[in-house]
N, C-alpha and C. Protein backbone atom coordinates (compact mmCIF):
# COMPACT_ATOMS: atom_id res chain seq x y z
N MET A 1 8.23 -18.30 13.24
CA MET A 1 7.67 -18.98 12.47
C MET A 1 6.31 -19.32 12.64
N VAL A 2 5.37 -19.01 11.95
CA VAL A 2 3.69 -19.19 12.05
C VAL A 2 3.56 -20.17 10.78
N LYS A 3 2.59 -21.44 11.46
CA LYS A 3 2.04 -22.17 10.33
C LYS A 3 0.90 -21.62 9.87
N VAL A 4 0.63 -21.40 8.52
CA VAL A 4 -0.58 -21.16 7.93
C VAL A 4 -1.59 -22.66 7.90
N PRO A 5 -2.82 -21.65 7.77
CA PRO A 5 -3.73 -22.73 7.32
C PRO A 5 -3.69 -23.44 5.99
N GLU A 6 -4.39 -24.41 6.30
CA GLU A 6 -4.05 -25.53 5.07
C GLU A 6 -4.45 -24.92 3.77
N GLU A 7 -5.64 -24.08 3.55
CA GLU A 7 -6.10 -23.79 2.48
C GLU A 7 -4.61 -22.62 1.89
N VAL A 8 -4.47 -21.78 2.85
CA VAL A 8 -3.47 -21.04 2.64
C VAL A 8 -2.06 -21.62 1.82
N ALA A 9 -1.70 -22.93 3.17
CA ALA A 9 -0.43 -23.65 2.18
C ALA A 9 -1.05 -24.21 0.91
N GLU A 10 -1.97 -24.63 0.56
CA GLU A 10 -1.98 -25.29 -1.05
C GLU A 10 -2.22 -24.04 -1.77
N GLU A 11 -2.52 -22.88 -1.49
CA GLU A 11 -2.61 -21.82 -2.50
C GLU A 11 -1.05 -21.37 -2.71
N ARG A 12 -0.55 -21.72 -1.70
CA ARG A 12 0.91 -21.29 -2.16
C ARG A 12 1.51 -22.23 -2.66
N LYS A 13 1.30 -23.60 -2.48
CA LYS A 13 2.04 -24.72 -3.18
C LYS A 13 1.53 -24.62 -5.00
N GLU A 14 0.35 -24.20 -4.85
CA GLU A 14 -0.22 -24.27 -6.48
C GLU A 14 0.44 -23.06 -7.15
N ARG A 15 0.72 -21.77 -6.30
CA ARG A 15 1.43 -20.64 -6.92
C ARG A 15 2.85 -21.30 -7.07
N ILE A 16 3.76 -22.04 -6.39
CA ILE A 16 5.12 -22.38 -6.56
C ILE A 16 4.98 -23.45 -7.85
N ARG A 17 4.12 -24.28 -7.91
CA ARG A 17 3.76 -25.18 -8.97
C ARG A 17 3.90 -24.22 -10.12
N ARG A 18 3.22 -23.30 -10.27
CA ARG A 18 2.55 -22.61 -11.72
C ARG A 18 3.94 -21.88 -12.25
N THR A 19 4.68 -21.40 -11.18
CA THR A 19 5.92 -20.60 -11.19
C THR A 19 6.91 -21.50 -11.91
N ALA A 20 6.88 -22.57 -11.24
CA ALA A 20 8.17 -23.79 -11.62
C ALA A 20 7.51 -24.21 -12.89
N GLN A 21 6.52 -24.26 -13.25
CA GLN A 21 6.03 -24.96 -14.60
C GLN A 21 6.50 -23.77 -15.73
N LYS A 22 6.19 -22.61 -15.57
CA LYS A 22 6.63 -21.52 -16.36
C LYS A 22 8.09 -21.56 -16.76
N ASN A 23 8.96 -21.85 -15.54
CA ASN A 23 10.55 -22.18 -15.79
C ASN A 23 10.63 -23.37 -16.10
N VAL A 24 9.78 -24.02 -16.26
CA VAL A 24 10.22 -25.46 -16.94
C VAL A 24 11.05 -26.37 -15.82
N ASP A 25 10.52 -26.21 -14.76
CA ASP A 25 11.39 -26.50 -13.46
C ASP A 25 10.19 -27.18 -12.39
N VAL A 26 10.84 -28.22 -11.60
CA VAL A 26 9.85 -28.97 -10.88
C VAL A 26 10.17 -28.44 -9.31
N PRO A 27 9.39 -27.90 -8.75
CA PRO A 27 9.88 -27.70 -7.14
C PRO A 27 10.12 -28.82 -6.16
N SER A 28 11.08 -28.27 -5.40
CA SER A 28 11.45 -29.10 -4.59
C SER A 28 10.54 -29.74 -3.38
N GLU A 29 10.89 -30.86 -2.78
CA GLU A 29 9.87 -31.19 -1.53
C GLU A 29 10.14 -30.07 -0.46
N GLU A 30 11.45 -29.56 -0.19
CA GLU A 30 11.68 -28.66 0.67
C GLU A 30 10.82 -27.31 0.52
N ILE A 31 10.70 -26.85 -0.86
CA ILE A 31 9.94 -25.54 -1.07
C ILE A 31 8.69 -25.61 -0.78
N LEU A 32 8.26 -26.82 -1.23
CA LEU A 32 6.68 -27.05 -0.88
C LEU A 32 6.29 -27.32 0.57
N ALA A 33 7.39 -27.87 1.21
CA ALA A 33 7.02 -27.95 2.91
C ALA A 33 7.13 -26.63 3.65
N LEU A 34 7.92 -25.63 3.18
CA LEU A 34 7.98 -24.44 3.60
C LEU A 34 6.65 -23.53 3.08
N ALA A 35 5.86 -24.17 2.33
CA ALA A 35 4.62 -23.32 1.64
C ALA A 35 3.82 -23.54 3.24
N HIS A 36 4.01 -24.42 3.96
CA HIS A 36 3.07 -24.26 5.30
C HIS A 36 3.25 -23.00 6.33
N TRP A 37 4.52 -22.41 6.02
CA TRP A 37 4.70 -21.48 7.17
C TRP A 37 5.14 -20.26 6.73
N THR A 38 4.69 -19.17 7.33
CA THR A 38 5.40 -17.64 7.26
C THR A 38 6.52 -17.69 8.23
N ILE A 39 7.44 -17.39 7.51
CA ILE A 39 8.75 -17.47 8.27
C ILE A 39 9.23 -15.65 8.21
N VAL A 40 9.18 -15.11 9.58
CA VAL A 40 9.68 -13.70 9.32
C VAL A 40 10.95 -13.29 9.92
N ILE A 41 11.90 -12.71 9.54
CA ILE A 41 13.02 -12.56 10.55
C ILE A 41 13.16 -11.07 10.61
N THR A 42 13.54 -10.86 11.88
CA THR A 42 13.42 -9.42 12.45
C THR A 42 14.19 -9.03 13.52
N ASN A 43 14.74 -7.66 13.56
CA ASN A 43 15.47 -7.41 14.86
C ASN A 43 14.73 -6.92 15.86
N ILE A 44 13.43 -7.19 15.98
CA ILE A 44 12.54 -6.58 16.91
C ILE A 44 12.67 -7.69 18.06
N PRO A 45 12.98 -7.38 19.36
CA PRO A 45 13.20 -8.38 20.65
C PRO A 45 11.66 -9.07 20.63
N ARG A 46 11.70 -9.97 21.23
CA ARG A 46 10.54 -10.92 21.56
C ARG A 46 9.53 -10.12 22.60
N THR A 47 10.29 -9.23 23.61
CA THR A 47 9.62 -8.90 24.55
C THR A 47 8.70 -7.26 23.90
N ARG A 48 9.31 -7.11 23.06
CA ARG A 48 8.46 -5.56 22.42
C ARG A 48 7.03 -6.07 21.49
N ALA A 49 7.42 -7.32 20.76
CA ALA A 49 6.35 -7.58 20.09
C ALA A 49 5.70 -8.83 20.10
N THR A 50 4.43 -9.19 19.73
CA THR A 50 4.01 -10.71 19.88
C THR A 50 3.90 -11.04 18.25
N TYR A 51 3.85 -12.69 17.83
CA TYR A 51 4.07 -13.04 16.63
C TYR A 51 2.95 -12.14 15.62
N SER A 52 1.49 -11.86 16.38
CA SER A 52 0.48 -11.29 15.56
C SER A 52 0.82 -9.88 15.22
N ASP A 53 1.75 -9.17 16.36
CA ASP A 53 2.15 -7.58 15.73
C ASP A 53 3.22 -7.53 14.82
N ILE A 54 3.91 -8.58 14.39
CA ILE A 54 4.90 -8.63 13.70
C ILE A 54 4.26 -9.00 12.47
N LEU A 55 3.28 -9.87 12.40
CA LEU A 55 2.49 -10.08 11.19
C LEU A 55 1.87 -8.69 10.48
N VAL A 56 1.13 -8.23 11.76
CA VAL A 56 0.33 -6.70 11.12
C VAL A 56 1.68 -5.89 10.69
N LEU A 57 2.43 -5.88 11.29
CA LEU A 57 3.78 -4.72 10.85
C LEU A 57 4.23 -5.33 9.60
N LEU A 58 4.27 -6.61 9.14
CA LEU A 58 4.68 -7.04 7.92
C LEU A 58 3.91 -6.49 6.74
N ARG A 59 2.72 -6.77 6.95
CA ARG A 59 1.26 -6.16 6.24
C ARG A 59 1.65 -4.56 6.14
N LEU A 60 1.80 -3.87 7.17
CA LEU A 60 1.85 -2.50 6.84
C LEU A 60 2.95 -2.01 5.96
N ARG A 61 4.18 -2.85 6.12
CA ARG A 61 5.49 -2.59 5.55
C ARG A 61 4.97 -2.91 3.91
N TRP A 62 4.39 -3.77 3.79
CA TRP A 62 3.50 -3.93 2.25
C TRP A 62 2.94 -2.73 1.85
N GLN A 63 2.10 -2.01 2.56
CA GLN A 63 1.20 -1.06 2.38
C GLN A 63 2.25 0.33 2.11
N ILE A 64 3.36 0.15 2.70
CA ILE A 64 4.35 1.62 1.99
C ILE A 64 4.71 1.21 1.27
N GLU A 65 5.25 0.14 0.68
CA GLU A 65 5.75 -0.35 -0.58
C GLU A 65 4.62 0.02 -1.73
N GLN A 66 3.35 0.04 -1.26
CA GLN A 66 2.28 0.15 -1.93
C GLN A 66 2.22 1.69 -2.29
N LEU A 67 2.52 2.37 -1.35
CA LEU A 67 2.58 3.97 -1.82
C LEU A 67 3.46 4.33 -2.68
N PHE A 68 4.53 3.71 -2.47
CA PHE A 68 5.59 4.10 -3.28
C PHE A 68 5.47 3.52 -4.82
N ARG A 69 4.91 2.66 -4.94
CA ARG A 69 4.49 2.21 -5.93
C ARG A 69 3.49 3.15 -6.78
N LEU A 70 2.33 3.75 -5.99
CA LEU A 70 1.39 4.04 -6.49
C LEU A 70 1.83 5.71 -7.04
N TRP A 71 3.19 6.07 -6.16
CA TRP A 71 3.65 7.42 -6.84
C TRP A 71 4.28 7.34 -8.10
N LYS A 72 4.74 6.22 -8.00
CA LYS A 72 5.66 5.83 -9.40
C LYS A 72 4.86 5.46 -10.51
N GLU A 73 3.61 4.58 -10.44
CA GLU A 73 2.47 4.87 -11.33
C GLU A 73 1.83 5.82 -11.96
N ASP A 74 1.55 6.82 -10.76
CA ASP A 74 0.68 7.85 -10.84
C ASP A 74 1.41 8.89 -11.97
N ALA A 75 2.57 9.22 -11.15
CA ALA A 75 3.14 10.46 -11.88
C ALA A 75 4.23 9.66 -13.12
N LYS A 76 4.61 8.70 -13.29
CA LYS A 76 5.05 7.84 -14.37
C LYS A 76 6.58 8.76 -14.23
N ILE A 77 7.33 8.53 -12.82
CA ILE A 77 8.52 9.28 -12.59
C ILE A 77 9.59 8.72 -13.50
N ASP A 78 9.44 7.18 -14.48
CA ASP A 78 10.39 6.59 -15.17
C ASP A 78 10.15 6.70 -16.27
N GLU A 79 9.51 7.43 -16.76
CA GLU A 79 9.06 8.05 -18.15
C GLU A 79 8.92 9.61 -18.60
N TRP A 80 9.65 9.84 -19.63
CA TRP A 80 10.06 11.02 -19.75
C TRP A 80 9.56 11.08 -21.36
N ARG A 81 9.03 12.72 -21.69
CA ARG A 81 8.82 12.65 -23.32
C ARG A 81 9.63 13.52 -23.83
N THR A 82 10.93 13.14 -23.48
CA THR A 82 12.34 14.30 -24.01
C THR A 82 13.29 13.23 -23.71
N LYS A 83 14.78 13.26 -24.82
CA LYS A 83 15.78 12.59 -24.43
C LYS A 83 16.92 13.87 -24.04
N LYS A 84 16.38 15.29 -23.83
CA LYS A 84 17.41 16.09 -23.14
C LYS A 84 17.29 15.99 -21.63
N PRO A 85 18.52 15.54 -21.37
CA PRO A 85 19.06 15.22 -19.73
C PRO A 85 18.18 16.29 -18.91
N TYR A 86 18.55 17.88 -19.32
CA TYR A 86 17.85 18.97 -18.55
C TYR A 86 16.53 18.86 -18.47
N ARG A 87 15.78 18.62 -19.59
CA ARG A 87 14.38 18.48 -19.79
C ARG A 87 13.60 17.50 -19.01
N MET A 88 14.51 16.09 -18.77
CA MET A 88 14.10 14.99 -18.23
C MET A 88 14.16 15.46 -16.60
N LEU A 89 14.92 15.95 -16.14
CA LEU A 89 15.21 16.46 -14.92
C LEU A 89 14.19 17.47 -14.62
N CYS A 90 13.85 18.28 -15.38
CA CYS A 90 12.88 19.44 -14.71
C CYS A 90 11.53 18.41 -14.88
N GLU A 91 11.19 17.80 -15.95
CA GLU A 91 10.23 16.54 -15.86
C GLU A 91 9.85 16.08 -14.30
N PHE A 92 10.90 15.46 -14.04
CA PHE A 92 11.17 14.65 -13.00
C PHE A 92 10.75 15.58 -11.81
N TYR A 93 11.48 16.31 -11.69
CA TYR A 93 11.04 17.28 -10.45
C TYR A 93 9.63 17.68 -10.31
N ALA A 94 8.80 18.14 -11.47
CA ALA A 94 7.81 18.61 -11.68
C ALA A 94 6.69 17.46 -11.34
N LYS A 95 6.99 16.06 -11.40
CA LYS A 95 5.92 15.20 -11.20
C LYS A 95 6.33 15.00 -9.72
N MET A 96 7.58 14.97 -9.13
CA MET A 96 7.69 14.75 -8.04
C MET A 96 7.07 15.68 -7.03
N CYS A 97 7.13 17.17 -7.56
CA CYS A 97 6.37 18.33 -6.95
C CYS A 97 4.80 18.09 -6.59
N ALA A 98 4.39 17.37 -8.08
CA ALA A 98 2.78 17.00 -7.80
C ALA A 98 2.48 16.11 -7.02
N MET A 99 3.46 14.82 -6.83
CA MET A 99 3.27 14.12 -5.80
C MET A 99 3.21 14.48 -4.32
N ILE A 100 4.19 15.16 -4.09
CA ILE A 100 4.65 16.13 -2.75
C ILE A 100 3.00 16.73 -2.44
N ILE A 101 2.82 17.73 -3.48
CA ILE A 101 1.42 18.11 -3.29
C ILE A 101 -0.08 17.59 -3.08
N GLN A 102 0.14 16.30 -3.92
CA GLN A 102 -0.99 15.24 -3.75
C GLN A 102 -1.06 14.83 -2.56
N GLN A 103 0.29 14.22 -1.67
CA GLN A 103 0.27 14.15 -0.65
C GLN A 103 0.28 14.79 0.36
N SER A 104 0.33 16.21 0.56
CA SER A 104 0.11 16.82 1.33
C SER A 104 -1.46 17.21 1.60
N LEU A 105 -2.03 17.28 0.48
CA LEU A 105 -3.67 17.07 0.60
C LEU A 105 -4.20 15.91 1.21
N ILE A 106 -3.61 14.90 0.59
CA ILE A 106 -4.14 13.66 1.42
C ILE A 106 -3.80 13.54 3.07
N GLN A 107 -2.66 14.15 3.03
CA GLN A 107 -2.40 13.71 4.81
C GLN A 107 -3.27 14.85 5.40
N GLU A 108 -3.63 16.42 4.74
CA GLU A 108 -4.51 16.86 5.35
C GLU A 108 -6.11 16.54 5.51
N GLY A 109 -6.29 15.76 4.54
CA GLY A 109 -7.69 15.60 4.05
C GLY A 109 -7.89 14.15 4.97
N CYS A 110 -7.02 13.24 4.62
CA CYS A 110 -7.69 11.98 5.34
C CYS A 110 -6.59 10.96 5.98
N TRP A 111 -5.63 11.44 6.18
CA TRP A 111 -4.25 10.64 6.54
C TRP A 111 -4.61 10.32 7.94
N LEU A 112 -5.06 10.85 9.00
CA LEU A 112 -5.28 10.44 9.97
C LEU A 112 -6.49 9.48 10.36
N ASP A 113 -7.37 9.17 9.60
CA ASP A 113 -8.23 8.37 9.57
C ASP A 113 -8.00 7.09 8.77
N PRO A 114 -7.66 6.17 9.70
CA PRO A 114 -6.87 4.79 9.17
C PRO A 114 -8.02 4.03 8.06
N LEU A 115 -9.17 4.43 8.25
CA LEU A 115 -10.25 3.92 7.60
C LEU A 115 -10.46 4.21 6.21
N ARG A 116 -9.56 5.38 5.91
CA ARG A 116 -9.56 5.99 4.40
C ARG A 116 -8.73 5.57 3.46
N SER A 117 -9.21 5.09 2.38
CA SER A 117 -8.37 4.65 1.16
C SER A 117 -7.33 5.74 0.61
N LEU A 118 -6.04 5.14 0.75
CA LEU A 118 -5.15 6.52 0.23
C LEU A 118 -5.25 6.00 -1.71
N VAL A 119 -5.44 5.19 -1.91
CA VAL A 119 -5.56 4.98 -3.58
C VAL A 119 -6.96 5.95 -3.97
N LYS A 120 -7.88 5.81 -3.28
CA LYS A 120 -8.81 6.38 -3.47
C LYS A 120 -9.09 7.92 -3.26
N ALA A 121 -8.28 8.13 -2.38
CA ALA A 121 -8.06 9.89 -2.34
C ALA A 121 -7.42 10.17 -3.60
N ALA A 122 -6.38 9.34 -3.74
CA ALA A 122 -5.17 10.17 -4.87
C ALA A 122 -6.00 10.16 -6.41
N ASP A 123 -7.13 8.92 -6.47
CA ASP A 123 -7.78 9.20 -7.81
C ASP A 123 -8.94 10.30 -7.56
N SER A 124 -9.45 10.59 -6.44
CA SER A 124 -10.09 11.57 -6.20
C SER A 124 -9.35 13.10 -6.62
N LEU A 125 -8.29 13.25 -5.77
CA LEU A 125 -7.82 14.49 -6.02
C LEU A 125 -7.13 14.60 -7.79
N ARG A 126 -6.73 13.41 -8.42
CA ARG A 126 -6.06 14.00 -10.04
C ARG A 126 -7.59 14.16 -10.58
N ARG A 127 -9.10 13.77 -10.27
CA ARG A 127 -9.96 14.54 -10.98
C ARG A 127 -10.44 15.97 -10.38
N GLU A 128 -9.84 16.11 -9.59
CA GLU A 128 -10.01 17.76 -9.31
C GLU A 128 -8.65 18.38 -9.54
N CYS A 129 -7.89 17.81 -10.50
CA CYS A 129 -6.50 18.76 -10.85
C CYS A 129 -7.28 20.21 -11.37
N ASN A 130 -7.95 19.84 -12.69
CA ASN A 130 -8.25 20.87 -13.01
C ASN A 130 -9.08 21.96 -12.30
N ARG A 131 -9.81 21.45 -11.49
CA ARG A 131 -10.87 22.72 -10.53
C ARG A 131 -9.50 23.41 -9.89
N ILE A 132 -8.50 22.66 -9.28
CA ILE A 132 -7.18 23.28 -8.73
C ILE A 132 -6.77 24.52 -9.47
N MET A 133 -6.29 23.98 -10.73
CA MET A 133 -5.76 25.14 -11.72
C MET A 133 -6.77 26.38 -11.69
N ILE A 134 -8.04 26.08 -12.11
CA ILE A 134 -8.56 27.49 -12.46
C ILE A 134 -9.09 27.91 -11.45
N ALA A 135 -9.03 27.46 -9.96
CA ALA A 135 -9.06 28.13 -8.72
C ALA A 135 -7.86 28.80 -8.50
N PHE A 136 -6.90 28.90 -9.01
CA PHE A 136 -5.57 29.26 -8.47
C PHE A 136 -5.23 30.66 -9.50
N TYR A 137 -5.81 30.19 -10.65
CA TYR A 137 -5.79 31.15 -11.79
C TYR A 137 -7.01 32.19 -11.54
N GLU A 138 -8.11 31.91 -10.87
CA GLU A 138 -9.22 32.91 -10.67
C GLU A 138 -8.81 33.66 -8.79
N GLY A 139 -8.18 33.09 -8.27
CA GLY A 139 -7.91 33.54 -6.96
C GLY A 139 -8.65 33.20 -5.91
N ASN A 140 -9.52 32.09 -6.03
CA ASN A 140 -9.84 31.10 -4.96
C ASN A 140 -9.24 30.23 -4.68
N LEU A 141 -8.30 29.98 -4.40
CA LEU A 141 -7.84 28.53 -4.14
C LEU A 141 -8.04 28.13 -3.10
N GLU A 142 -7.88 28.86 -2.14
CA GLU A 142 -8.25 28.44 -0.76
C GLU A 142 -9.83 27.70 -0.46
N LYS A 143 -10.61 28.52 -1.20
CA LYS A 143 -12.02 27.72 -0.71
C LYS A 143 -12.04 26.78 -1.77
N THR A 144 -11.46 26.45 -3.04
CA THR A 144 -11.65 25.56 -3.30
C THR A 144 -10.89 24.18 -2.70
N ILE A 145 -9.28 24.43 -2.08
CA ILE A 145 -9.11 23.40 -1.62
C ILE A 145 -9.94 22.68 -0.10
N GLN A 146 -10.25 23.83 0.55
CA GLN A 146 -11.18 23.13 1.62
C GLN A 146 -12.44 22.29 1.41
N SER A 147 -13.09 22.72 -0.10
CA SER A 147 -13.81 21.91 -0.47
C SER A 147 -13.47 20.58 -0.95
N ILE A 148 -12.14 20.38 -1.73
CA ILE A 148 -11.90 19.21 -1.91
C ILE A 148 -11.27 18.20 -0.53
N LEU A 149 -10.69 19.10 0.55
CA LEU A 149 -10.45 18.34 1.72
C LEU A 149 -11.76 17.80 2.23
N HIS A 150 -12.36 18.63 2.28
CA HIS A 150 -13.93 18.36 2.89
C HIS A 150 -14.48 16.93 2.28
N THR A 151 -14.50 16.86 0.64
CA THR A 151 -14.61 15.47 0.05
C THR A 151 -13.96 14.22 0.23
N LEU A 152 -12.60 14.71 0.52
CA LEU A 152 -11.51 13.60 1.05
C LEU A 152 -11.83 13.09 2.36
N HIS A 153 -12.38 13.95 3.22
CA HIS A 153 -12.72 13.47 4.64
C HIS A 153 -13.74 12.77 4.75
N SER A 154 -14.82 12.90 3.91
CA SER A 154 -16.08 12.56 3.87
C SER A 154 -16.29 11.07 2.90
N ALA A 155 -15.40 11.13 1.89
CA ALA A 155 -15.44 10.05 1.08
C ALA A 155 -14.23 9.01 1.22
N CYS A 156 -14.21 8.40 0.30
CA CYS A 156 -12.78 7.58 0.25
C CYS A 156 -12.77 6.54 1.07
N ARG A 157 -13.66 6.03 1.57
CA ARG A 157 -13.89 5.27 2.81
C ARG A 157 -13.84 3.63 2.60
N ILE A 158 -12.87 2.90 3.25
CA ILE A 158 -12.41 1.45 3.51
C ILE A 158 -13.89 0.87 4.08
N GLU A 159 -14.36 0.22 3.43
CA GLU A 159 -15.16 -0.83 3.78
C GLU A 159 -14.75 -1.88 5.09
N ARG A 160 -15.27 -2.07 5.80
CA ARG A 160 -15.10 -3.34 7.09
C ARG A 160 -15.44 -4.30 6.19
N ARG A 161 -14.25 -5.34 6.52
CA ARG A 161 -14.50 -6.56 5.85
C ARG A 161 -14.26 -7.74 7.36
N ALA A 162 -15.12 -8.83 7.13
CA ALA A 162 -14.95 -9.84 8.21
C ALA A 162 -14.32 -11.15 7.77
N ALA A 163 -14.20 -11.40 6.18
CA ALA A 163 -13.28 -12.55 5.91
C ALA A 163 -11.81 -12.12 5.81
N PHE A 164 -11.45 -10.91 5.24
CA PHE A 164 -10.28 -10.63 4.89
C PHE A 164 -10.11 -9.21 5.34
N PRO A 165 -9.78 -8.76 6.94
CA PRO A 165 -9.94 -7.29 7.33
C PRO A 165 -8.89 -6.62 6.53
N SER A 166 -8.97 -5.30 6.32
CA SER A 166 -7.83 -4.37 5.55
C SER A 166 -6.99 -4.54 6.71
N THR A 167 -5.64 -3.57 6.09
CA THR A 167 -4.67 -3.26 7.51
C THR A 167 -5.22 -2.60 8.52
N ALA A 168 -5.77 -1.48 7.96
CA ALA A 168 -6.45 -0.39 9.20
C ALA A 168 -7.24 -1.41 10.14
N GLN A 169 -8.15 -2.11 9.65
CA GLN A 169 -8.95 -2.85 10.76
C GLN A 169 -7.66 -3.75 11.54
N LEU A 170 -6.71 -4.25 11.22
CA LEU A 170 -5.97 -5.05 11.54
C LEU A 170 -5.15 -4.37 13.18
N LEU A 171 -4.61 -3.24 12.54
CA LEU A 171 -4.01 -2.10 13.23
C LEU A 171 -4.97 -1.54 14.28
N LEU A 172 -5.97 -1.44 14.11
CA LEU A 172 -7.26 -0.86 15.07
C LEU A 172 -7.75 -1.98 15.91
N ASP A 173 -8.01 -3.11 15.67
CA ASP A 173 -8.52 -4.55 16.25
C ASP A 173 -7.53 -5.48 16.97
N GLY A 174 -6.44 -5.40 16.32
CA GLY A 174 -5.42 -6.74 16.35
C GLY A 174 -5.69 -7.52 15.36
N LEU A 175 -4.83 -8.68 15.64
CA LEU A 175 -4.98 -10.03 14.75
C LEU A 175 -5.47 -11.04 15.53
N ASP A 176 -6.97 -11.17 15.16
CA ASP A 176 -7.90 -12.29 15.99
C ASP A 176 -7.84 -13.79 15.13
N TRP A 177 -7.03 -13.65 14.04
CA TRP A 177 -7.10 -14.96 13.83
C TRP A 177 -5.97 -16.12 14.64
N GLN A 178 -6.84 -17.46 14.28
CA GLN A 178 -6.07 -18.34 15.34
C GLN A 178 -4.75 -18.42 14.44
N LEU A 179 -3.64 -18.34 15.26
CA LEU A 179 -2.46 -19.33 14.73
C LEU A 179 -1.83 -19.94 15.34
N GLU A 180 -1.30 -21.19 14.63
CA GLU A 180 -0.62 -21.93 15.46
C GLU A 180 1.04 -21.66 15.38
N LEU A 181 1.64 -21.44 16.59
CA LEU A 181 2.77 -20.76 16.68
C LEU A 181 3.71 -21.97 17.06
N LEU A 182 4.85 -21.76 16.26
CA LEU A 182 6.32 -22.30 16.78
C LEU A 182 7.25 -21.72 17.07
N LEU A 183 7.40 -21.60 18.44
CA LEU A 183 8.55 -21.05 19.11
C LEU A 183 9.87 -21.39 18.16
N THR A 184 10.87 -20.55 17.94
CA THR A 184 12.23 -21.18 17.65
C THR A 184 13.20 -20.29 18.29
C-alpha cells in the first residue's frame, strides 16, 4: 500500500463521485477513504523489488496494454468489410501481418531507445505505407526501408518532463517521488 499525495486523492474522489452520480448512486465512505491509497497485489517477493519498483512495473504493464490497444485500433482487427467467414479470416490475417511488419520495423528502428514514442513511430510508418509499396514494386525496397528506419531512429522522440515523467524516464532514472509507505 502506498499513500498518495492529497491532490491525487482529491482527483480520485472527484472521479469516484462523478461515476457514482452517472449511475445515480452515492459513493460509500470506505471507497472514498481508499482513494488515498494505491494498493498493488503482486507475487514479487519484497526482497526482489521495492515499492517504487512495483509502481514503475505497474506503469510499464499499462504501457503494454496500450500497445495491444494501439494494434487493435490501428489494424481495426475487430471490424470487417464482409460477412463471409473465410474473407473475415483472410482480412484478420492480413491485418495481423501488417501489425507484425509494423512492429518489426519499429523494433529495428527505435525499440532499443526507451526515449522513442512507439505511437509516433507507428504513425510515421503508416504515413510511409505507399512509399513502401512503390519501393516493393520498383525493386528498391531495401533502400527505402533503410531510409524509413533512419527516420524512426532520429525522430519520434519523447520529450523529458519534470512534472510528469514518462515511463521511459522512470525506468531510466528510477522513481524519485516522495512516497509515504505503509508496510503491511
